[in-house]
Protein backbone atom coordinates (compact mmCIF):
# COMPACT_ATOMS: atom_id res chain seq x y z
CA UNK A 1 72.48 117.32 69.18
CA UNK A 2 72.39 120.88 67.87
CA UNK A 3 68.76 120.66 66.74
CA UNK A 4 67.70 118.94 69.96
CA UNK A 5 69.35 121.56 72.16
CA UNK A 6 67.88 124.48 70.22
CA UNK A 7 64.42 122.86 70.24
CA UNK A 8 64.50 122.35 74.02
CA UNK A 9 65.64 125.93 74.56
CA UNK A 10 62.94 127.30 72.22
CA UNK A 11 60.16 125.30 73.90
CA UNK A 12 61.25 126.36 77.37
CA UNK A 13 61.41 129.97 76.25
CA UNK A 14 57.96 129.81 74.63
CA UNK A 15 56.42 128.32 77.76
CA UNK A 16 58.05 130.95 79.93
CA UNK A 17 56.79 133.80 77.78
CA UNK A 18 53.23 132.49 77.35
CA UNK A 19 52.60 131.26 80.91
CA UNK A 20 49.83 133.22 82.61
CA UNK A 21 50.94 135.89 85.04
CA UNK A 22 48.85 134.20 87.72
CA UNK A 23 51.30 131.29 87.71
CA UNK A 24 53.84 133.61 89.38
CA UNK A 25 56.91 132.19 87.65
CA UNK A 26 59.03 135.04 88.98
CA UNK A 27 61.13 137.55 87.07
CA UNK A 28 62.34 136.53 83.60
CA UNK A 29 64.69 138.60 81.47
CA UNK A 30 66.09 137.97 78.00
CA UNK A 31 69.39 139.30 76.73
CA UNK A 32 72.06 138.71 74.12
CA UNK A 33 74.49 140.15 71.65
CA UNK A 34 75.85 139.50 68.17
CA UNK A 35 79.51 140.11 67.31
CA UNK A 36 81.45 140.20 64.06
CA UNK A 37 85.22 140.20 63.47
CA UNK A 38 86.40 142.04 60.34
CA UNK A 39 90.20 142.03 60.29
CA UNK A 40 93.19 141.56 58.03
CA UNK A 41 95.69 139.09 59.46
CA UNK A 42 99.27 139.44 58.19
CA UNK A 43 101.42 136.44 59.23
CA UNK A 44 105.17 136.01 58.82
CA UNK A 45 106.32 132.94 56.92
CA UNK A 46 106.86 131.04 60.18
CA UNK A 47 103.15 131.52 60.94
CA UNK A 48 101.87 131.03 57.40
CA UNK A 49 100.23 127.76 56.25
CA UNK A 50 102.52 125.02 54.91
CA UNK A 51 104.88 125.00 53.08
CA UNK A 52 105.77 128.17 55.04
CA UNK A 53 107.85 129.73 52.27
CA UNK A 54 106.47 133.29 52.31
CA UNK A 55 104.52 135.72 54.45
CA UNK A 56 100.76 135.31 54.24
CA UNK A 57 97.86 137.77 54.45
CA UNK A 58 94.23 136.73 54.95
CA UNK A 59 90.89 138.42 55.49
CA UNK A 60 89.06 137.45 58.68
CA UNK A 61 85.37 138.24 58.13
CA UNK A 62 83.29 136.09 60.41
CA UNK A 63 80.71 135.81 63.14
CA UNK A 64 82.32 135.57 66.56
CA UNK A 65 80.70 132.24 67.39
CA UNK A 66 82.38 131.91 70.78
CA UNK A 67 81.26 135.22 72.28
CA UNK A 68 77.94 135.95 70.51
CA UNK A 69 75.14 134.73 72.76
CA UNK A 70 71.49 134.56 73.71
CA UNK A 71 70.39 134.04 77.28
CA UNK A 72 67.56 133.89 79.77
CA UNK A 73 67.73 134.79 83.45
CA UNK A 74 65.18 133.65 86.02
CA UNK A 75 64.68 134.96 89.58
CA UNK A 76 62.08 134.12 92.19
CA UNK A 77 62.64 134.71 95.88
CA UNK A 78 65.94 133.06 96.85
CA UNK A 79 66.20 130.93 93.69
CA UNK A 80 67.62 132.04 90.37
CA UNK A 81 68.97 130.52 87.16
CA UNK A 82 70.77 131.42 83.95
CA UNK A 83 70.77 129.64 80.59
CA UNK A 84 72.96 130.99 77.80
CA UNK A 85 73.74 129.51 74.38
CA UNK A 86 75.98 130.49 71.45
CA UNK A 87 76.25 129.56 67.75
CA UNK A 88 79.49 127.56 68.15
CA UNK A 89 79.39 124.03 66.75
CA UNK A 90 80.12 121.40 69.37
CA UNK A 91 80.06 123.89 72.25
CA UNK A 92 76.64 125.49 72.26
CA UNK A 93 76.14 126.02 76.00
CA UNK A 94 77.90 128.90 77.75
CA UNK A 95 75.88 128.92 80.98
CA UNK A 96 73.41 126.43 82.41
CA UNK A 97 73.19 126.89 86.15
CA UNK A 98 70.92 127.72 89.06
CA UNK A 99 71.66 129.32 92.40
CA UNK A 100 70.19 129.52 95.90
CA UNK A 101 70.72 132.49 98.20
CA UNK A 102 70.57 130.90 101.65
CA UNK A 103 71.20 134.10 103.58
CA UNK A 104 74.82 133.78 104.67
CA UNK A 105 75.90 133.09 101.10
CA UNK A 106 74.95 131.66 97.72
CA UNK A 107 75.15 128.12 96.34
CA UNK A 108 75.69 127.78 92.57
CA UNK A 109 75.01 124.47 90.77
CA UNK A 110 75.72 123.78 87.09
CA UNK A 111 77.89 125.30 84.38
CA UNK A 112 78.98 128.81 85.31
CA UNK A 113 82.03 131.04 85.46
CA UNK A 114 84.62 129.54 87.76
CA UNK A 115 86.36 131.66 90.44
CA UNK A 116 89.25 132.13 87.96
CA UNK A 117 86.97 132.49 84.94
CA UNK A 118 86.62 136.29 84.89
CA UNK A 119 90.02 137.49 86.11
CA UNK A 120 91.32 138.49 82.65
CA UNK A 121 91.69 142.24 82.15
CA UNK A 122 92.03 142.90 78.39
CA UNK A 123 88.98 143.99 76.40
CA UNK A 124 90.63 143.76 72.99
CA UNK A 125 89.35 142.23 69.77
CA UNK A 126 87.36 139.06 70.44
CA UNK A 127 86.68 140.24 73.98
CA UNK A 128 90.17 139.22 75.04
CA UNK A 129 90.25 136.27 72.67
CA UNK A 130 93.94 136.71 71.85
CA UNK A 131 95.18 137.98 75.20
CA UNK A 132 94.73 134.70 77.08
CA UNK A 133 97.66 133.14 75.22
CA UNK A 134 99.94 136.09 75.93
CA UNK A 135 99.97 136.81 79.65
CA UNK A 136 96.34 137.58 80.37
CA UNK A 137 94.34 134.58 81.57
CA UNK A 138 90.70 133.56 81.63
CA UNK A 139 91.47 130.76 84.10
CA UNK A 140 89.13 127.81 83.80
CA UNK A 141 86.43 129.91 82.10
CA UNK A 142 82.97 128.27 82.45
CA UNK A 143 82.77 124.72 83.83
CA UNK A 144 80.31 122.39 85.58
CA UNK A 145 80.73 123.09 89.28
CA UNK A 146 79.41 123.39 92.79
CA UNK A 147 80.29 126.81 94.20
CA UNK A 148 79.79 128.73 97.42
CA UNK A 149 79.95 132.53 97.45
CA UNK A 150 80.21 134.55 100.67
CA UNK A 151 80.20 138.35 101.14
CA UNK A 152 83.02 139.38 103.46
CA UNK A 153 82.98 143.08 104.29
CA UNK A 154 83.54 144.96 101.04
CA UNK A 155 84.67 141.79 99.28
CA UNK A 156 83.42 138.41 98.12
CA UNK A 157 84.93 134.97 98.66
CA UNK A 158 84.25 132.21 96.12
CA UNK A 159 85.04 128.51 96.67
CA UNK A 160 84.31 125.96 93.94
CA UNK A 161 84.59 122.23 93.29
CA UNK A 162 84.82 121.90 89.50
CA UNK A 163 84.70 119.03 87.04
CA UNK A 164 88.33 117.82 86.94
CA UNK A 165 90.32 118.46 83.79
CA UNK A 166 92.04 115.54 82.06
CA UNK A 167 93.90 115.20 78.79
CA UNK A 168 93.68 112.05 76.68
CA UNK A 169 95.47 109.01 78.06
CA UNK A 170 98.96 108.90 76.59
CA UNK A 171 99.27 112.69 76.23
CA UNK A 172 102.17 112.70 78.70
CA UNK A 173 103.02 109.03 79.38
CA UNK A 174 102.85 107.43 75.94
CA UNK A 175 102.22 103.92 77.30
CA UNK A 176 99.20 105.05 79.36
CA UNK A 177 95.80 103.87 78.18
CA UNK A 178 93.55 105.20 80.95
CA UNK A 179 93.08 108.23 83.21
CA UNK A 180 91.84 108.23 86.80
CA UNK A 181 90.43 111.10 88.86
CA UNK A 182 89.83 111.15 92.60
CA UNK A 183 89.28 114.85 93.34
CA UNK A 184 87.44 117.71 91.64
CA UNK A 185 89.42 120.72 90.54
CA UNK A 186 89.45 123.18 93.45
CA UNK A 187 89.42 126.94 92.84
CA UNK A 188 89.02 130.03 94.99
CA UNK A 189 89.03 133.78 94.55
CA UNK A 190 88.61 136.85 96.73
CA UNK A 191 87.42 140.19 95.31
CA UNK A 192 87.93 143.39 97.27
CA UNK A 193 86.98 146.93 96.25
CA UNK A 194 88.14 150.07 98.04
CA UNK A 195 87.45 153.50 96.59
CA UNK A 196 88.55 153.76 92.96
CA UNK A 197 90.63 150.55 93.21
CA UNK A 198 89.79 146.85 93.22
CA UNK A 199 91.84 143.68 93.56
CA UNK A 200 91.18 139.99 92.92
CA UNK A 201 93.32 137.17 94.28
CA UNK A 202 92.76 133.74 92.74
CA UNK A 203 94.11 130.21 92.71
CA UNK A 204 93.34 126.59 91.93
CA UNK A 205 94.57 122.99 91.95
CA UNK A 206 93.82 120.08 89.60
CA UNK A 207 95.15 116.53 89.67
CA UNK A 208 94.61 113.30 87.76
CA UNK A 209 96.54 110.13 86.97
CA UNK A 210 97.60 108.63 83.68
CA UNK A 211 97.53 104.85 84.07
CA UNK A 212 99.59 102.23 82.26
CA UNK A 213 97.05 99.43 82.53
CA UNK A 214 99.54 96.77 81.38
CA UNK A 215 101.55 97.29 84.59
CA UNK A 216 98.89 99.00 86.73
CA UNK A 217 101.28 101.96 87.22
CA UNK A 218 99.93 105.45 87.96
CA UNK A 219 101.61 108.75 87.07
CA UNK A 220 100.21 111.82 88.83
CA UNK A 221 99.76 115.00 86.80
CA UNK A 222 99.37 117.93 89.17
CA UNK A 223 98.55 121.45 87.99
CA UNK A 224 98.01 124.71 89.81
CA UNK A 225 97.30 128.38 89.13
CA UNK A 226 97.91 131.36 91.45
CA UNK A 227 97.75 135.07 90.76
CA UNK A 228 96.09 138.40 91.22
CA UNK A 229 94.82 141.40 89.29
CA UNK A 230 94.31 145.06 90.15
CA UNK A 231 92.04 147.70 88.60
CA UNK A 232 92.16 151.43 89.23
CA UNK A 233 90.06 154.23 87.71
CA UNK A 234 90.38 157.96 88.28
CA UNK A 235 88.42 160.40 86.16
CA UNK A 236 88.73 159.47 82.46
CA UNK A 237 91.81 157.28 83.04
CA UNK A 238 92.02 153.65 84.10
CA UNK A 239 94.76 151.08 84.49
CA UNK A 240 94.56 147.32 84.97
CA UNK A 241 97.18 144.67 85.55
CA UNK A 242 97.45 140.94 86.17
CA UNK A 243 100.28 138.59 87.13
CA UNK A 244 100.08 134.84 87.63
CA UNK A 245 102.07 131.63 87.75
CA UNK A 246 101.07 128.08 86.90
CA UNK A 247 102.37 124.53 86.82
CA UNK A 248 101.30 122.23 83.98
CA UNK A 249 98.76 124.74 82.63
CA UNK A 250 97.55 122.38 79.89
CA UNK A 251 96.94 119.56 82.34
CA UNK A 252 95.38 122.05 84.77
CA UNK A 253 92.91 123.14 82.10
CA UNK A 254 93.46 126.85 81.51
CA UNK A 255 91.05 128.34 78.98
CA UNK A 256 93.92 129.40 76.67
CA UNK A 257 96.78 126.90 77.18
CA UNK A 258 100.05 127.41 75.31
CA UNK A 259 103.66 126.36 75.74
CA UNK A 260 104.66 122.78 76.57
CA UNK A 261 102.94 119.72 77.94
CA UNK A 262 104.35 118.00 80.98
CA UNK A 263 106.66 115.19 79.80
CA UNK A 264 107.65 111.67 80.82
CA UNK A 265 111.27 110.82 81.68
CA UNK A 266 112.01 107.14 81.12
CA UNK A 267 115.34 107.16 83.00
CA UNK A 268 113.72 108.24 86.27
CA UNK A 269 110.27 106.84 85.41
CA UNK A 270 108.70 110.12 86.43
CA UNK A 271 106.86 113.16 85.08
CA UNK A 272 108.64 116.47 84.42
CA UNK A 273 106.50 119.54 85.13
CA UNK A 274 106.20 122.78 83.13
CA UNK A 275 106.39 126.16 84.89
CA UNK A 276 104.62 129.19 83.42
CA UNK A 277 104.51 132.87 84.36
CA UNK A 278 102.40 135.52 82.69
CA UNK A 279 101.54 139.19 83.09
CA UNK A 280 99.46 141.79 81.27
CA UNK A 281 98.89 145.53 81.64
CA UNK A 282 96.22 147.83 80.18
CA UNK A 283 96.00 151.63 80.14
CA UNK A 284 92.82 153.36 79.03
CA UNK A 285 91.49 156.87 78.47
CA UNK A 286 87.78 157.61 78.15
CA UNK A 287 87.86 160.60 75.82
CA UNK A 288 84.07 160.96 75.88
CA UNK A 289 80.91 158.93 76.47
CA UNK A 290 81.32 157.80 72.88
CA UNK A 291 85.07 157.07 72.46
CA UNK A 292 87.62 155.22 74.60
CA UNK A 293 91.30 154.57 73.83
CA UNK A 294 92.94 151.43 75.24
CA UNK A 295 96.54 150.21 75.00
CA UNK A 296 97.63 146.78 76.21
CA UNK A 297 100.78 144.70 76.50
CA UNK A 298 101.37 141.23 77.87
CA UNK A 299 103.93 138.44 77.88
CA UNK A 300 104.15 134.82 78.97
CA UNK A 301 107.07 132.43 79.52
CA UNK A 302 107.05 128.63 79.76
CA UNK A 303 109.98 126.58 81.08
CA UNK A 304 110.59 122.84 81.33
CA UNK A 305 113.73 121.21 82.81
CA UNK A 306 113.94 117.60 81.65
CA UNK A 307 116.62 115.37 83.23
CA UNK A 308 119.56 114.91 80.87
CA UNK A 309 118.46 117.73 78.53
CA UNK A 310 119.06 121.45 78.29
CA UNK A 311 116.18 123.64 79.49
CA UNK A 312 113.17 124.08 77.20
CA UNK A 313 111.80 127.62 76.93
CA UNK A 314 108.99 129.26 75.01
CA UNK A 315 108.11 132.97 75.22
CA UNK A 316 105.56 135.16 73.49
CA UNK A 317 104.25 138.71 73.75
CA UNK A 318 101.27 140.75 72.57
CA UNK A 319 100.67 144.47 71.92
CA UNK A 320 97.39 146.09 70.92
CA UNK A 321 95.64 149.43 70.54
CA UNK A 322 91.84 149.50 70.42
CA UNK A 323 89.36 152.37 70.20
CA UNK A 324 85.82 151.29 71.19
CA UNK A 325 83.30 153.70 69.67
CA UNK A 326 79.70 153.66 70.93
CA UNK A 327 77.90 154.82 67.80
CA UNK A 328 74.48 154.34 69.43
CA UNK A 329 72.99 152.82 72.55
CA UNK A 330 74.03 149.13 72.63
CA UNK A 331 76.02 149.46 69.38
CA UNK A 332 79.83 149.45 69.56
CA UNK A 333 82.40 149.41 66.73
CA UNK A 334 86.00 148.87 67.82
CA UNK A 335 88.84 149.66 65.39
CA UNK A 336 91.95 147.79 66.53
CA UNK A 337 95.50 146.90 65.63
CA UNK A 338 97.64 144.31 67.37
CA UNK A 339 100.84 142.31 67.10
CA UNK A 340 101.28 138.70 68.27
CA UNK A 341 104.99 138.03 68.70
CA UNK A 342 105.77 134.32 69.16
CA UNK A 343 109.53 134.95 69.61
CA UNK A 344 111.67 131.77 69.74
CA UNK A 345 110.96 128.27 71.01
CA UNK A 346 113.98 126.49 72.50
CA UNK A 347 113.94 122.69 72.93
CA UNK A 348 117.08 121.01 74.30
CA UNK A 349 119.21 123.96 73.22
CA UNK A 350 117.82 124.13 69.66
CA UNK A 351 116.11 127.44 68.93
CA UNK A 352 113.28 127.74 66.41
CA UNK A 353 111.98 131.12 65.28
CA UNK A 354 108.19 131.11 65.52
CA UNK A 355 107.54 134.43 63.80
CA UNK A 356 104.80 136.95 64.43
CA UNK A 357 101.49 138.17 63.06
CA UNK A 358 99.82 141.55 62.83
CA UNK A 359 96.07 142.10 62.62
CA UNK A 360 94.10 145.28 61.97
CA UNK A 361 90.46 146.00 61.36
CA UNK A 362 87.31 146.34 63.46
CA UNK A 363 85.14 144.41 65.87
CA UNK A 364 81.35 144.92 65.74
CA UNK A 365 78.91 144.32 68.58
CA UNK A 366 75.19 144.93 69.08
CA UNK A 367 73.59 144.14 72.43
CA UNK A 368 69.88 143.41 72.67
């Protein structure tokens, strides 16, 4: 699959670049970036690999295969497209979509950022790679979808029908052997900018059934996400914040799910939902065109109330300081230190310490 995909992409690119100008293929632009993570990761014994007897320290020296990318953009009249790949095994395609500007709005078809896919605010380490588990959220990220976008005054409304998210049959109801879907995931967002401030409101709903085929019994797993973020910049300073709430975030299909799954209660023959709330805040200072300082903090809390049990709770928090340094045009080195605090996980009144980890080092990025 990997070789086939790369071959198709290479052939298409070669044809695009060698096609005579007279063919009028429209505007074509190439872009990409390569990113490296070079960190030390110091984990408490609760986080360390089994047998979890002592603290553990490891070197992380690797290509960021999720965020490094190479892409092509096409544009001709009212039609455009974007194809973007990455060097991540089993998940090579980031974007593969086309769009049509029909005047009153734009129709997007294919795999693209969802309306909740770019609402995260942190710019730390792996481009926010840690923050999504700790109060920041990247929503549904990039998914196959049909989307309509409409300009409304100084804002933009996005409405999308997305490939529904499902977990494996039996993930919640152990006896289930099948899953059924009847609706796409529905998401919407509204962006509004006014002066130095901007705000984005977002939300979504996903539903599917786990089916016990032996009895032909369906159990509905409903998930939702609602929230908003704000951004404000004045001179060299900027602040950003996000707050959101979700039900059954794993079943909904958030890009960085954590916490608990929904669970099945045999006594009532029903599904118990999980409630999640997260928030994140970032403060930044652009010291010069070359150096920026950024400090971030976020936290998330998951709760599940199962009949006949004490409440289940899981909390975690994240702190980081990063200093992006633009050493040359399109070249950025970001020294950074951060702490991932997993706090305690409480299940039916029994508390388990989950420990913490600290990382420090640098993130390297070259755009081309």
